[in-house]
Amino acid sequence: MIEDPAGVPLLDETNVSNRLGTPLRDEYKSLLKIWPGLLVGADYDGSVRFIFAGTGVAIGPDWAKGIEFIPDTARAIGTQRDALDDAAKLPADLYLRKLEPQWFLFFQRDE
């Protein structure tokens, strides 16, 4: 997704850019079916976020949780924690739990 020349910042099953060639568009659609409602977003720094659950609108309040890939060339933004079990009770912020190098669980809540 990061290397895609069409520069696709956010994908879901119903929103796969027509700027992509048919084979790549079909591959994205197939991959997005692994979880109903999955959103995948890429950032300018090479991070990719897989959002498995969330609610809200663009102007908030809202929340999202999922898995994030953060390349070595980017900086992890947010508060790192050993567990996210109580994240819904924490103040609005971005919280990360490291799974392995470059891969994190995240919970983000905005007010």
PDB file of N, CA and C in Angstrom:
ATOM      1  N   MET A   1       0.827  -1.188   0.000  1.00  0.00           N
ATOM      2  CA  MET A   1       0.000   0.000   0.000  1.00  0.00           C
ATOM      3  C   MET A   1       0.873   1.254   0.000  1.00  0.00           C
ATOM      4  N   ILE A   2       1.948   1.227   0.770  1.00  0.00           N
ATOM      5  CA  ILE A   2       2.841   2.371   0.854  1.00  0.00           C
ATOM      6  C   ILE A   2       3.560   2.587  -0.477  1.00  0.00           C
ATOM      7  N   GLU A   3       3.924   1.509  -1.127  1.00  0.00           N
ATOM      8  CA  GLU A   3       4.658   1.602  -2.380  1.00  0.00           C
ATOM      9  C   GLU A   3       3.748   1.779  -3.589  1.00  0.00           C
ATOM     10  N   ASP A   4       2.457   1.751  -3.390  1.00  0.00           N
ATOM     11  CA  ASP A   4       1.503   1.863  -4.482  1.00  0.00           C
ATOM     12  C   ASP A   4       1.616   3.234  -5.142  1.00  0.00           C
ATOM     13  N   PRO A   5       1.848   3.272  -6.444  1.00  0.00           N
ATOM     14  CA  PRO A   5       2.012   4.563  -7.122  1.00  0.00           C
ATOM     15  C   PRO A   5       0.748   5.416  -7.154  1.00  0.00           C
ATOM     16  N   ALA A   6      -0.411   4.816  -6.912  1.00  0.00           N
ATOM     17  CA  ALA A   6      -1.653   5.593  -6.930  1.00  0.00           C
ATOM     18  C   ALA A   6      -1.846   6.382  -5.643  1.00  0.00           C
ATOM     19  N   GLY A   7      -1.030   6.118  -4.617  1.00  0.00           N
ATOM     20  CA  GLY A   7      -1.127   6.859  -3.364  1.00  0.00           C
ATOM     21  C   GLY A   7      -2.478   6.731  -2.704  1.00  0.00           C
ATOM     22  N   VAL A   8      -2.821   5.537  -2.258  1.00  0.00           N
ATOM     23  CA  VAL A   8      -4.123   5.267  -1.655  1.00  0.00           C
ATOM     24  C   VAL A   8      -4.008   5.410  -0.138  1.00  0.00           C
ATOM     25  N   PRO A   9      -4.603   6.476   0.469  1.00  0.00           N
ATOM     26  CA  PRO A   9      -4.432   6.695   1.904  1.00  0.00           C
ATOM     27  C   PRO A   9      -5.360   5.873   2.801  1.00  0.00           C
ATOM     28  N   LEU A  10      -6.556   5.487   2.321  1.00  0.00           N
ATOM     29  CA  LEU A  10      -7.515   4.762   3.159  1.00  0.00           C
ATOM     30  C   LEU A  10      -8.348   3.839   2.289  1.00  0.00           C
ATOM     31  N   LEU A  11      -8.472   2.595   2.744  1.00  0.00           N
ATOM     32  CA  LEU A  11      -9.233   1.599   1.988  1.00  0.00           C
ATOM     33  C   LEU A  11     -10.212   0.875   2.890  1.00  0.00           C
ATOM     34  N   ASP A  12     -11.344   0.513   2.331  1.00  0.00           N
ATOM     35  CA  ASP A  12     -12.233  -0.473   2.922  1.00  0.00           C
ATOM     36  C   ASP A  12     -12.852  -1.259   1.765  1.00  0.00           C
ATOM     37  N   GLU A  13     -13.635  -2.283   2.092  1.00  0.00           N
ATOM     38  CA  GLU A  13     -14.180  -3.154   1.049  1.00  0.00           C
ATOM     39  C   GLU A  13     -14.947  -2.401  -0.037  1.00  0.00           C
ATOM     40  N   THR A  14     -15.594  -1.315   0.334  1.00  0.00           N
ATOM     41  CA  THR A  14     -16.419  -0.585  -0.622  1.00  0.00           C
ATOM     42  C   THR A  14     -15.698   0.603  -1.241  1.00  0.00           C
ATOM     43  N   ASN A  15     -14.495   0.907  -0.774  1.00  0.00           N
ATOM     44  CA  ASN A  15     -13.774   2.086  -1.248  1.00  0.00           C
ATOM     45  C   ASN A  15     -12.361   1.705  -1.670  1.00  0.00           C
ATOM     46  N   VAL A  16     -12.248   1.086  -2.827  1.00  0.00           N
ATOM     47  CA  VAL A  16     -10.944   0.762  -3.398  1.00  0.00           C
ATOM     48  C   VAL A  16     -10.813   1.593  -4.669  1.00  0.00           C
ATOM     49  N   SER A  17      -9.829   2.445  -4.702  1.00  0.00           N
ATOM     50  CA  SER A  17      -9.672   3.448  -5.754  1.00  0.00           C
ATOM     51  C   SER A  17      -9.686   2.869  -7.162  1.00  0.00           C
ATOM     52  N   ASN A  18     -10.404   3.533  -8.038  1.00  0.00           N
ATOM     53  CA  ASN A  18     -10.406   3.168  -9.456  1.00  0.00           C
ATOM     54  C   ASN A  18      -9.091   3.542 -10.132  1.00  0.00           C
ATOM     55  N   ARG A  19      -8.262   4.340  -9.437  1.00  0.00           N
ATOM     56  CA  ARG A  19      -6.955   4.695  -9.985  1.00  0.00           C
ATOM     57  C   ARG A  19      -6.025   3.483 -10.015  1.00  0.00           C
ATOM     58  N   LEU A  20      -6.351   2.462  -9.238  1.00  0.00           N
ATOM     59  CA  LEU A  20      -5.541   1.247  -9.219  1.00  0.00           C
ATOM     60  C   LEU A  20      -5.888   0.395 -10.430  1.00  0.00           C
ATOM     61  N   GLY A  21      -4.916  -0.326 -10.945  1.00  0.00           N
ATOM     62  CA  GLY A  21      -5.202  -1.269 -12.021  1.00  0.00           C
ATOM     63  C   GLY A  21      -6.097  -2.379 -11.504  1.00  0.00           C
ATOM     64  N   THR A  22      -6.803  -3.024 -12.395  1.00  0.00           N
ATOM     65  CA  THR A  22      -7.755  -4.071 -12.011  1.00  0.00           C
ATOM     66  C   THR A  22      -7.124  -5.179 -11.171  1.00  0.00           C
ATOM     67  N   PRO A  23      -5.963  -5.734 -11.523  1.00  0.00           N
ATOM     68  CA  PRO A  23      -5.398  -6.811 -10.696  1.00  0.00           C
ATOM     69  C   PRO A  23      -5.113  -6.349  -9.260  1.00  0.00           C
ATOM     70  N   LEU A  24      -4.546  -5.158  -9.090  1.00  0.00           N
ATOM     71  CA  LEU A  24      -4.231  -4.662  -7.752  1.00  0.00           C
ATOM     72  C   LEU A  24      -5.509  -4.342  -6.985  1.00  0.00           C
ATOM     73  N   ARG A  25      -6.485  -3.732  -7.643  1.00  0.00           N
ATOM     74  CA  ARG A  25      -7.764  -3.424  -6.995  1.00  0.00           C
ATOM     75  C   ARG A  25      -8.439  -4.709  -6.509  1.00  0.00           C
ATOM     76  N   ASP A  26      -8.422  -5.756  -7.338  1.00  0.00           N
ATOM     77  CA  ASP A  26      -9.011  -7.040  -6.943  1.00  0.00           C
ATOM     78  C   ASP A  26      -8.255  -7.666  -5.779  1.00  0.00           C
ATOM     79  N   GLU A  27      -6.927  -7.501  -5.766  1.00  0.00           N
ATOM     80  CA  GLU A  27      -6.141  -8.044  -4.645  1.00  0.00           C
ATOM     81  C   GLU A  27      -6.485  -7.328  -3.346  1.00  0.00           C
ATOM     82  N   TYR A  28      -6.585  -5.990  -3.378  1.00  0.00           N
ATOM     83  CA  TYR A  28      -6.985  -5.237  -2.191  1.00  0.00           C
ATOM     84  C   TYR A  28      -8.363  -5.687  -1.698  1.00  0.00           C
ATOM     85  N   LYS A  29      -9.318  -5.804  -2.613  1.00  0.00           N
ATOM     86  CA  LYS A  29     -10.674  -6.212  -2.220  1.00  0.00           C
ATOM     87  C   LYS A  29     -10.660  -7.579  -1.557  1.00  0.00           C
ATOM     88  N   SER A  30      -9.873  -8.496  -2.071  1.00  0.00           N
ATOM     89  CA  SER A  30      -9.772  -9.833  -1.498  1.00  0.00           C
ATOM     90  C   SER A  30      -9.176  -9.784  -0.092  1.00  0.00           C
ATOM     91  N   LEU A  31      -8.107  -9.015   0.084  1.00  0.00           N
ATOM     92  CA  LEU A  31      -7.461  -8.907   1.390  1.00  0.00           C
ATOM     93  C   LEU A  31      -8.359  -8.231   2.422  1.00  0.00           C
ATOM     94  N   LEU A  32      -9.142  -7.253   1.992  1.00  0.00           N
ATOM     95  CA  LEU A  32     -10.008  -6.530   2.915  1.00  0.00           C
ATOM     96  C   LEU A  32     -11.168  -7.376   3.426  1.00  0.00           C
ATOM     97  N   LYS A  33     -11.429  -8.495   2.799  1.00  0.00           N
ATOM     98  CA  LYS A  33     -12.518  -9.374   3.232  1.00  0.00           C
ATOM     99  C   LYS A  33     -12.147 -10.216   4.447  1.00  0.00           C
ATOM    100  N   ILE A  34     -10.897 -10.131   4.937  1.00  0.00           N
ATOM    101  CA  ILE A  34     -10.496 -10.951   6.090  1.00  0.00           C
ATOM    102  C   ILE A  34     -11.260 -10.575   7.351  1.00  0.00           C
ATOM    103  N   TRP A  35     -11.806  -9.340   7.398  1.00  0.00           N
ATOM    104  CA  TRP A  35     -12.551  -8.895   8.573  1.00  0.00           C
ATOM    105  C   TRP A  35     -13.625  -7.918   8.110  1.00  0.00           C
ATOM    106  N   PRO A  36     -14.900  -8.198   8.391  1.00  0.00           N
ATOM    107  CA  PRO A  36     -15.966  -7.281   7.972  1.00  0.00           C
ATOM    108  C   PRO A  36     -15.750  -5.883   8.557  1.00  0.00           C
ATOM    109  N   GLY A  37     -15.794  -4.877   7.712  1.00  0.00           N
ATOM    110  CA  GLY A  37     -15.640  -3.498   8.158  1.00  0.00           C
ATOM    111  C   GLY A  37     -14.198  -3.040   8.319  1.00  0.00           C
ATOM    112  N   LEU A  38     -13.230  -3.875   7.969  1.00  0.00           N
ATOM    113  CA  LEU A  38     -11.823  -3.515   8.106  1.00  0.00           C
ATOM    114  C   LEU A  38     -11.503  -2.257   7.302  1.00  0.00           C
ATOM    115  N   LEU A  39     -10.819  -1.321   7.943  1.00  0.00           N
ATOM    116  CA  LEU A  39     -10.287  -0.129   7.284  1.00  0.00           C
ATOM    117  C   LEU A  39      -8.773  -0.221   7.333  1.00  0.00           C
ATOM    118  N   VAL A  40      -8.118   0.151   6.261  1.00  0.00           N
ATOM    119  CA  VAL A  40      -6.663   0.154   6.220  1.00  0.00           C
ATOM    120  C   VAL A  40      -6.229   1.524   5.754  1.00  0.00           C
ATOM    121  N   GLY A  41      -5.355   2.154   6.528  1.00  0.00           N
ATOM    122  CA  GLY A  41      -4.874   3.477   6.173  1.00  0.00           C
ATOM    123  C   GLY A  41      -3.364   3.543   6.185  1.00  0.00           C
ATOM    124  N   ALA A  42      -2.807   4.270   5.235  1.00  0.00           N
ATOM    125  CA  ALA A  42      -1.364   4.473   5.159  1.00  0.00           C
ATOM    126  C   ALA A  42      -1.055   5.935   5.460  1.00  0.00           C
ATOM    127  N   ASP A  43       0.084   6.155   6.099  1.00  0.00           N
ATOM    128  CA  ASP A  43       0.502   7.503   6.433  1.00  0.00           C
ATOM    129  C   ASP A  43       1.756   7.855   5.638  1.00  0.00           C
ATOM    130  N   TYR A  44       2.052   9.130   5.552  1.00  0.00           N
ATOM    131  CA  TYR A  44       3.201   9.603   4.776  1.00  0.00           C
ATOM    132  C   TYR A  44       4.526   9.010   5.249  1.00  0.00           C
ATOM    133  N   ASP A  45       4.615   8.615   6.530  1.00  0.00           N
ATOM    134  CA  ASP A  45       5.883   8.108   7.072  1.00  0.00           C
ATOM    135  C   ASP A  45       6.078   6.611   6.856  1.00  0.00           C
ATOM    136  N   GLY A  46       5.124   5.969   6.189  1.00  0.00           N
ATOM    137  CA  GLY A  46       5.237   4.538   5.933  1.00  0.00           C
ATOM    138  C   GLY A  46       4.479   3.668   6.916  1.00  0.00           C
ATOM    139  N   SER A  47       3.831   4.267   7.903  1.00  0.00           N
ATOM    140  CA  SER A  47       3.021   3.510   8.847  1.00  0.00           C
ATOM    141  C   SER A  47       1.743   3.045   8.157  1.00  0.00           C
ATOM    142  N   VAL A  48       1.278   1.874   8.542  1.00  0.00           N
ATOM    143  CA  VAL A  48       0.018   1.351   8.022  1.00  0.00           C
ATOM    144  C   VAL A  48      -0.822   0.923   9.213  1.00  0.00           C
ATOM    145  N   ARG A  49      -2.064   1.380   9.239  1.00  0.00           N
ATOM    146  CA  ARG A  49      -2.972   1.092  10.349  1.00  0.00           C
ATOM    147  C   ARG A  49      -4.119   0.226   9.846  1.00  0.00           C
ATOM    148  N   PHE A  50      -4.359  -0.880  10.548  1.00  0.00           N
ATOM    149  CA  PHE A  50      -5.454  -1.803  10.267  1.00  0.00           C
ATOM    150  C   PHE A  50      -6.485  -1.593  11.369  1.00  0.00           C
ATOM    151  N   ILE A  51      -7.598  -0.944  11.046  1.00  0.00           N
ATOM    152  CA  ILE A  51      -8.618  -0.602  12.034  1.00  0.00           C
ATOM    153  C   ILE A  51      -9.699  -1.684  11.994  1.00  0.00           C
ATOM    154  N   PHE A  52      -9.808  -2.419  13.102  1.00  0.00           N
ATOM    155  CA  PHE A  52     -10.766  -3.518  13.182  1.00  0.00           C
ATOM    156  C   PHE A  52     -12.082  -3.112  13.827  1.00  0.00           C
ATOM    157  N   ALA A  53     -12.070  -2.054  14.635  1.00  0.00           N
ATOM    158  CA  ALA A  53     -13.306  -1.599  15.275  1.00  0.00           C
ATOM    159  C   ALA A  53     -13.177  -0.116  15.567  1.00  0.00           C
ATOM    160  N   GLY A  54     -14.298   0.569  15.544  1.00  0.00           N
ATOM    161  CA  GLY A  54     -14.293   1.985  15.857  1.00  0.00           C
ATOM    162  C   GLY A  54     -15.678   2.565  15.687  1.00  0.00           C
ATOM    163  N   THR A  55     -15.821   3.806  16.132  1.00  0.00           N
ATOM    164  CA  THR A  55     -17.081   4.496  15.996  1.00  0.00           C
ATOM    165  C   THR A  55     -16.826   5.992  16.027  1.00  0.00           C
ATOM    166  N   GLY A  56     -17.783   6.772  15.587  1.00  0.00           N
ATOM    167  CA  GLY A  56     -17.667   8.215  15.645  1.00  0.00           C
ATOM    168  C   GLY A  56     -17.656   8.837  14.274  1.00  0.00           C
ATOM    169  N   VAL A  57     -17.420  10.122  14.267  1.00  0.00           N
ATOM    170  CA  VAL A  57     -17.372  10.882  13.029  1.00  0.00           C
ATOM    171  C   VAL A  57     -16.060  11.639  12.973  1.00  0.00           C
ATOM    172  N   ALA A  58     -15.791  12.243  11.841  1.00  0.00           N
ATOM    173  CA  ALA A  58     -14.509  12.914  11.621  1.00  0.00           C
ATOM    174  C   ALA A  58     -14.225  14.020  12.634  1.00  0.00           C
ATOM    175  N   ILE A  59     -15.258  14.656  13.156  1.00  0.00           N
ATOM    176  CA  ILE A  59     -15.029  15.751  14.099  1.00  0.00           C
ATOM    177  C   ILE A  59     -15.127  15.300  15.553  1.00  0.00           C
ATOM    178  N   GLY A  60     -15.272  13.978  15.796  1.00  0.00           N
ATOM    179  CA  GLY A  60     -15.223  13.402  17.139  1.00  0.00           C
ATOM    180  C   GLY A  60     -16.477  13.663  17.931  1.00  0.00           C
ATOM    181  N   PRO A  61     -16.634  13.133  19.120  1.00  0.00           N
ATOM    182  CA  PRO A  61     -15.698  12.166  19.697  1.00  0.00           C
ATOM    183  C   PRO A  61     -15.799  10.808  19.001  1.00  0.00           C
ATOM    184  N   ASP A  62     -14.689  10.101  19.010  1.00  0.00           N
ATOM    185  CA  ASP A  62     -14.693   8.778  18.406  1.00  0.00           C
ATOM    186  C   ASP A  62     -13.575   7.930  18.994  1.00  0.00           C
ATOM    187  N   TRP A  63     -13.554   6.662  18.609  1.00  0.00           N
ATOM    188  CA  TRP A  63     -12.493   5.761  19.047  1.00  0.00           C
ATOM    189  C   TRP A  63     -12.234   4.744  17.947  1.00  0.00           C
ATOM    190  N   ALA A  64     -11.038   4.157  17.983  1.00  0.00           N
ATOM    191  CA  ALA A  64     -10.663   3.116  17.032  1.00  0.00           C
ATOM    192  C   ALA A  64      -9.651   2.202  17.699  1.00  0.00           C
ATOM    193  N   LYS A  65      -9.685   0.930  17.280  1.00  0.00           N
ATOM    194  CA  LYS A  65      -8.665   0.007  17.773  1.00  0.00           C
ATOM    195  C   LYS A  65      -8.289  -0.959  16.664  1.00  0.00           C
ATOM    196  N   GLY A  66      -7.056  -1.426  16.719  1.00  0.00           N
ATOM    197  CA  GLY A  66      -6.566  -2.327  15.703  1.00  0.00           C
ATOM    198  C   GLY A  66      -5.088  -2.599  15.847  1.00  0.00           C
ATOM    199  N   ILE A  67      -4.437  -2.798  14.710  1.00  0.00           N
ATOM    200  CA  ILE A  67      -3.014  -3.125  14.655  1.00  0.00           C
ATOM    201  C   ILE A  67      -2.340  -2.093  13.771  1.00  0.00           C
ATOM    202  N   GLU A  68      -1.147  -1.669  14.168  1.00  0.00           N
ATOM    203  CA  GLU A  68      -0.420  -0.684  13.379  1.00  0.00           C
ATOM    204  C   GLU A  68       1.000  -1.172  13.104  1.00  0.00           C
ATOM    205  N   PHE A  69       1.426  -1.024  11.850  1.00  0.00           N
ATOM    206  CA  PHE A  69       2.801  -1.293  11.457  1.00  0.00           C
ATOM    207  C   PHE A  69       3.519   0.041  11.395  1.00  0.00           C
ATOM    208  N   ILE A  70       4.622   0.162  12.122  1.00  0.00           N
ATOM    209  CA  ILE A  70       5.409   1.385  12.132  1.00  0.00           C
ATOM    210  C   ILE A  70       6.825   1.018  11.705  1.00  0.00           C
ATOM    211  N   PRO A  71       7.243   1.458  10.517  1.00  0.00           N
ATOM    212  CA  PRO A  71       8.567   1.084  10.027  1.00  0.00           C
ATOM    213  C   PRO A  71       9.685   1.684  10.881  1.00  0.00           C
ATOM    214  N   ASP A  72      10.874   1.122  10.738  1.00  0.00           N
ATOM    215  CA  ASP A  72      12.035   1.619  11.492  1.00  0.00           C
ATOM    216  C   ASP A  72      12.323   3.089  11.202  1.00  0.00           C
ATOM    217  N   THR A  73      11.908   3.554  10.049  1.00  0.00           N
ATOM    218  CA  THR A  73      12.177   4.934   9.655  1.00  0.00           C
ATOM    219  C   THR A  73      11.189   5.931  10.259  1.00  0.00           C
ATOM    220  N   ALA A  74      10.178   5.445  10.954  1.00  0.00           N
ATOM    221  CA  ALA A  74       9.160   6.320  11.560  1.00  0.00           C
ATOM    222  C   ALA A  74       9.244   6.237  13.081  1.00  0.00           C
ATOM    223  N   ARG A  75       8.624   7.188  13.735  1.00  0.00           N
ATOM    224  CA  ARG A  75       8.598   7.241  15.187  1.00  0.00           C
ATOM    225  C   ARG A  75       7.197   6.847  15.666  1.00  0.00           C
ATOM    226  N   ALA A  76       7.146   5.954  16.647  1.00  0.00           N
ATOM    227  CA  ALA A  76       5.854   5.575  17.231  1.00  0.00           C
ATOM    228  C   ALA A  76       5.313   6.751  18.028  1.00  0.00           C
ATOM    229  N   ILE A  77       4.125   7.216  17.657  1.00  0.00           N
ATOM    230  CA  ILE A  77       3.500   8.339  18.346  1.00  0.00           C
ATOM    231  C   ILE A  77       2.393   7.779  19.224  1.00  0.00           C
ATOM    232  N   GLY A  78       2.384   8.155  20.480  1.00  0.00           N
ATOM    233  CA  GLY A  78       1.387   7.666  21.419  1.00  0.00           C
ATOM    234  C   GLY A  78       2.056   7.206  22.699  1.00  0.00           C
ATOM    235  N   THR A  79       1.252   6.788  23.648  1.00  0.00           N
ATOM    236  CA  THR A  79       1.743   6.306  24.924  1.00  0.00           C
ATOM    237  C   THR A  79       1.833   4.795  24.883  1.00  0.00           C
ATOM    238  N   GLN A  80       3.035   4.268  25.068  1.00  0.00           N
ATOM    239  CA  GLN A  80       3.197   2.814  25.064  1.00  0.00           C
ATOM    240  C   GLN A  80       2.851   2.269  26.441  1.00  0.00           C
ATOM    241  N   ARG A  81       2.105   1.157  26.434  1.00  0.00           N
ATOM    242  CA  ARG A  81       1.653   0.504  27.669  1.00  0.00           C
ATOM    243  C   ARG A  81       1.886  -0.998  27.552  1.00  0.00           C
ATOM    244  N   ASP A  82       1.988  -1.654  28.706  1.00  0.00           N
ATOM    245  CA  ASP A  82       2.161  -3.107  28.726  1.00  0.00           C
ATOM    246  C   ASP A  82       0.867  -3.839  28.394  1.00  0.00           C
ATOM    247  N   ALA A  83      -0.275  -3.186  28.629  1.00  0.00           N
ATOM    248  CA  ALA A  83      -1.584  -3.797  28.351  1.00  0.00           C
ATOM    249  C   ALA A  83      -2.554  -2.689  27.953  1.00  0.00           C
ATOM    250  N   LEU A  84      -3.549  -3.066  27.167  1.00  0.00           N
ATOM    251  CA  LEU A  84      -4.581  -2.110  26.757  1.00  0.00           C
ATOM    252  C   LEU A  84      -5.960  -2.524  27.262  1.00  0.00           C
ATOM    253  N   ASP A  85      -5.998  -3.433  28.209  1.00  0.00           N
ATOM    254  CA  ASP A  85      -7.270  -3.939  28.723  1.00  0.00           C
ATOM    255  C   ASP A  85      -8.163  -2.830  29.278  1.00  0.00           C
ATOM    256  N   ASP A  86      -7.569  -1.805  29.864  1.00  0.00           N
ATOM    257  CA  ASP A  86      -8.344  -0.727  30.483  1.00  0.00           C
ATOM    258  C   ASP A  86      -8.318   0.558  29.664  1.00  0.00           C
ATOM    259  N   ALA A  87      -7.961   0.476  28.390  1.00  0.00           N
ATOM    260  CA  ALA A  87      -7.773   1.675  27.576  1.00  0.00           C
ATOM    261  C   ALA A  87      -9.020   2.551  27.499  1.00  0.00           C
ATOM    262  N   ALA A  88     -10.199   1.960  27.485  1.00  0.00           N
ATOM    263  CA  ALA A  88     -11.434   2.753  27.390  1.00  0.00           C
ATOM    264  C   ALA A  88     -11.623   3.656  28.609  1.00  0.00           C
ATOM    265  N   LYS A  89     -10.958   3.351  29.717  1.00  0.00           N
ATOM    266  CA  LYS A  89     -11.070   4.165  30.926  1.00  0.00           C
ATOM    267  C   LYS A  89     -10.011   5.260  30.991  1.00  0.00           C
ATOM    268  N   LEU A  90      -9.056   5.242  30.073  1.00  0.00           N
ATOM    269  CA  LEU A  90      -7.972   6.211  30.074  1.00  0.00           C
ATOM    270  C   LEU A  90      -8.396   7.506  29.391  1.00  0.00           C
ATOM    271  N   PRO A  91      -7.688   8.610  29.666  1.00  0.00           N
ATOM    272  CA  PRO A  91      -7.997   9.868  28.988  1.00  0.00           C
ATOM    273  C   PRO A  91      -7.824   9.728  27.481  1.00  0.00           C
ATOM    274  N   ALA A  92      -8.508  10.582  26.736  1.00  0.00           N
ATOM    275  CA  ALA A  92      -8.407  10.563  25.281  1.00  0.00           C
ATOM    276  C   ALA A  92      -6.941  10.691  24.864  1.00  0.00           C
ATOM    277  N   ASP A  93      -6.499   9.790  24.009  1.00  0.00           N
ATOM    278  CA  ASP A  93      -5.108   9.777  23.544  1.00  0.00           C
ATOM    279  C   ASP A  93      -4.944   8.569  22.633  1.00  0.00           C
ATOM    280  N   LEU A  94      -3.733   8.358  22.164  1.00  0.00           N
ATOM    281  CA  LEU A  94      -3.370   7.178  21.396  1.00  0.00           C
ATOM    282  C   LEU A  94      -2.494   6.309  22.285  1.00  0.00           C
ATOM    283  N   TYR A  95      -2.882   5.054  22.439  1.00  0.00           N
ATOM    284  CA  TYR A  95      -2.153   4.103  23.278  1.00  0.00           C
ATOM    285  C   TYR A  95      -1.679   2.934  22.420  1.00  0.00           C
ATOM    286  N   LEU A  96      -0.447   2.505  22.658  1.00  0.00           N
ATOM    287  CA  LEU A  96       0.160   1.428  21.887  1.00  0.00           C
ATOM    288  C   LEU A  96       0.666   0.337  22.813  1.00  0.00           C
ATOM    289  N   ARG A  97       0.528  -0.898  22.363  1.00  0.00           N
ATOM    290  CA  ARG A  97       1.134  -2.046  23.044  1.00  0.00           C
ATOM    291  C   ARG A  97       1.963  -2.783  22.000  1.00  0.00           C
ATOM    292  N   LYS A  98       3.258  -2.868  22.231  1.00  0.00           N
ATOM    293  CA  LYS A  98       4.160  -3.490  21.270  1.00  0.00           C
ATOM    294  C   LYS A  98       3.938  -4.994  21.239  1.00  0.00           C
ATOM    295  N   LEU A  99       3.727  -5.517  20.030  1.00  0.00           N
ATOM    296  CA  LEU A  99       3.564  -6.954  19.840  1.00  0.00           C
ATOM    297  C   LEU A  99       4.897  -7.600  19.494  1.00  0.00           C
ATOM    298  N   GLU A 100       5.595  -6.992  18.578  1.00  0.00           N
ATOM    299  CA  GLU A 100       6.928  -7.397  18.146  1.00  0.00           C
ATOM    300  C   GLU A 100       7.518  -6.203  17.418  1.00  0.00           C
ATOM    301  N   PRO A 101       8.793  -6.251  17.050  1.00  0.00           N
ATOM    302  CA  PRO A 101       9.358  -5.074  16.399  1.00  0.00           C
ATOM    303  C   PRO A 101       8.481  -4.604  15.229  1.00  0.00           C
ATOM    304  N   GLN A 102       8.155  -3.328  15.260  1.00  0.00           N
ATOM    305  CA  GLN A 102       7.397  -2.621  14.228  1.00  0.00           C
ATOM    306  C   GLN A 102       5.890  -2.883  14.251  1.00  0.00           C
ATOM    307  N   TRP A 103       5.376  -3.779  15.064  1.00  0.00           N
ATOM    308  CA  TRP A 103       3.943  -4.096  15.100  1.00  0.00           C
ATOM    309  C   TRP A 103       3.374  -3.789  16.484  1.00  0.00           C
ATOM    310  N   PHE A 104       2.249  -3.055  16.502  1.00  0.00           N
ATOM    311  CA  PHE A 104       1.631  -2.607  17.745  1.00  0.00           C
ATOM    312  C   PHE A 104       0.121  -2.807  17.702  1.00  0.00           C
ATOM    313  N   LEU A 105      -0.461  -3.139  18.855  1.00  0.00           N
ATOM    314  CA  LEU A 105      -1.903  -2.981  19.035  1.00  0.00           C
ATOM    315  C   LEU A 105      -2.097  -1.510  19.353  1.00  0.00           C
ATOM    316  N   PHE A 106      -3.192  -0.923  18.908  1.00  0.00           N
ATOM    317  CA  PHE A 106      -3.434   0.471  19.281  1.00  0.00           C
ATOM    318  C   PHE A 106      -4.885   0.655  19.697  1.00  0.00           C
ATOM    319  N   PHE A 107      -5.083   1.633  20.560  1.00  0.00           N
ATOM    320  CA  PHE A 107      -6.409   2.125  20.927  1.00  0.00           C
ATOM    321  C   PHE A 107      -6.300   3.633  20.897  1.00  0.00           C
ATOM    322  N   GLN A 108      -7.175   4.292  20.139  1.00  0.00           N
ATOM    323  CA  GLN A 108      -7.161   5.741  20.066  1.00  0.00           C
ATOM    324  C   GLN A 108      -8.554   6.266  20.326  1.00  0.00           C
ATOM    325  N   ARG A 109      -8.612   7.230  21.230  1.00  0.00           N
ATOM    326  CA  ARG A 109      -9.890   7.895  21.510  1.00  0.00           C
ATOM    327  C   ARG A 109      -9.687   9.398  21.442  1.00  0.00           C
ATOM    328  N   ASP A 110     -10.585  10.056  20.746  1.00  0.00           N
ATOM    329  CA  ASP A 110     -10.554  11.507  20.612  1.00  0.00           C
ATOM    330  C   ASP A 110     -11.792  12.075  21.279  1.00  0.00           C
ATOM    331  N   GLU A 111     -11.682  13.272  21.755  1.00  0.00           N
ATOM    332  CA  GLU A 111     -12.842  13.944  22.367  1.00  0.00           C
ATOM    333  C   GLU A 111     -13.300  15.102  21.537  1.00  0.00           C
TER     334      GLU A 111
END
